[in-house]
Amino acid sequence: MSEKTLTRADLAEAVYKEVGLSRQESADLVQSVLGMMADTLAEGESVKLSSFGSFLLRDKRSRVGRNPKTGVEVPIEARRVLVFKPSQVLKERVDSALSKD
């Protein structure tokens, strides 16, 4: 299994090779799409990419946590978290790739 991480540069290079835009235009396109996704999430809306998955925001309530070393109770503030829920298509693709190994 590869330890390589997919980066913006990798995405831009893939767009360059597949679509035929210049490298700069490909990088700008990738940056624009990711920026639009980030802005939409920052506004509190979800982002759904068909056949890939959904990025959702969830509100977590405040609660009391515990320091595992000392056992001292610590309040944990309410917060909003970002969650990714893969589509069934993506789940099946990952499962089939893992079963080939």
Protein backbone atom coordinates (compact mmCIF):
# COMPACT_ATOMS: atom_id res chain seq x y z
CA MET A 1 0.00 0.00 0.00
CA SER A 2 1.37 3.40 -0.96
CA GLU A 3 2.04 6.04 1.68
CA LYS A 4 1.84 8.90 -0.85
CA THR A 5 -0.55 11.73 -0.15
CA LEU A 6 -2.52 13.29 -2.99
CA THR A 7 -1.73 17.02 -3.10
CA ARG A 8 -3.14 20.06 -4.89
CA ALA A 9 -0.17 19.88 -7.25
CA ASP A 10 -1.05 16.26 -8.07
CA LEU A 11 -4.65 17.26 -8.78
CA ALA A 12 -3.53 20.17 -10.96
CA GLU A 13 -1.16 17.88 -12.88
CA ALA A 14 -3.99 15.38 -13.45
CA VAL A 15 -6.25 18.16 -14.77
CA TYR A 16 -3.39 19.34 -17.02
CA LYS A 17 -2.96 15.85 -18.49
CA GLU A 18 -6.66 14.96 -18.81
CA VAL A 19 -8.22 18.25 -19.91
CA GLY A 20 -5.36 19.91 -21.73
CA LEU A 21 -5.41 23.25 -19.93
CA SER A 22 -2.08 24.90 -19.21
CA ARG A 23 -0.40 24.00 -15.93
CA GLN A 24 -1.24 27.43 -14.48
CA GLU A 25 -4.87 27.23 -15.60
CA SER A 26 -5.11 23.72 -14.12
CA ALA A 27 -3.69 24.91 -10.79
CA ASP A 28 -6.09 27.88 -10.78
CA LEU A 29 -9.05 25.57 -11.52
CA VAL A 30 -8.16 23.20 -8.68
CA GLN A 31 -7.65 26.16 -6.32
CA SER A 32 -10.99 27.64 -7.37
CA VAL A 33 -12.93 24.40 -6.81
CA LEU A 34 -11.34 23.77 -3.40
CA GLY A 35 -11.88 27.41 -2.41
CA MET A 36 -15.55 27.21 -3.38
CA MET A 37 -15.96 24.05 -1.31
CA ALA A 38 -14.26 25.66 1.70
CA ASP A 39 -16.40 28.81 1.41
CA THR A 40 -19.60 26.77 1.20
CA LEU A 41 -18.65 24.76 4.29
CA ALA A 42 -17.68 27.95 6.15
CA GLU A 43 -21.18 29.30 5.44
CA GLY A 44 -22.63 26.24 7.19
CA GLU A 45 -23.79 24.38 4.09
CA SER A 46 -22.95 20.82 3.07
CA VAL A 47 -21.01 19.87 -0.06
CA LYS A 48 -22.02 16.77 -2.03
CA LEU A 49 -19.89 15.31 -4.80
CA SER A 50 -21.86 12.72 -6.73
CA SER A 51 -20.30 9.23 -6.70
CA PHE A 52 -17.67 10.44 -4.21
CA GLY A 53 -19.29 11.57 -0.98
CA SER A 54 -20.54 14.42 1.17
CA PHE A 55 -18.82 16.88 3.46
CA LEU A 56 -21.19 17.65 6.32
CA LEU A 57 -21.09 19.94 9.35
CA ARG A 58 -22.21 18.58 12.70
CA ASP A 59 -22.73 20.48 15.92
CA LYS A 60 -21.37 18.78 19.01
CA ARG A 61 -22.74 19.65 22.43
CA SER A 62 -20.57 20.77 25.30
CA ARG A 63 -19.65 17.99 27.69
CA VAL A 64 -17.35 17.07 30.52
CA GLY A 65 -14.17 15.26 29.53
CA ARG A 66 -11.46 13.72 31.64
CA ASN A 67 -7.68 14.11 31.47
CA PRO A 68 -6.49 10.49 31.03
CA LYS A 69 -3.24 11.11 32.95
CA THR A 70 -4.61 12.89 36.00
CA GLY A 71 -8.30 11.98 35.93
CA VAL A 72 -9.23 15.65 36.37
CA GLU A 73 -12.54 16.59 34.76
CA VAL A 74 -12.28 19.25 32.06
CA PRO A 75 -15.17 21.03 30.32
CA ILE A 76 -15.20 20.59 26.53
CA GLU A 77 -16.91 23.47 24.74
CA ALA A 78 -19.62 23.00 22.12
CA ARG A 79 -18.16 23.04 18.65
CA ARG A 80 -18.87 22.42 15.00
CA VAL A 81 -16.99 19.58 13.28
CA LEU A 82 -16.50 18.66 9.65
CA VAL A 83 -17.44 15.10 8.70
CA PHE A 84 -16.91 13.23 5.43
CA LYS A 85 -19.44 10.57 4.48
CA PRO A 86 -18.33 8.49 1.47
CA SER A 87 -20.86 7.49 -1.17
CA GLN A 88 -21.77 3.86 -1.72
CA VAL A 89 -19.92 3.97 -5.06
CA LEU A 90 -16.69 5.08 -3.34
CA LYS A 91 -17.10 2.49 -0.57
CA GLU A 92 -17.50 -0.30 -3.13
CA ARG A 93 -14.51 0.91 -5.14
CA VAL A 94 -12.27 1.01 -2.06
CA ASP A 95 -13.51 -2.40 -0.92
CA SER A 96 -12.81 -3.97 -4.30
CA ALA A 97 -9.32 -2.41 -4.41
CA LEU A 98 -8.53 -3.75 -0.94
CA SER A 99 -9.80 -7.24 -1.76
CA LYS A 100 -7.38 -7.48 -4.72
CA ASP A 101 -4.36 -7.21 -2.38
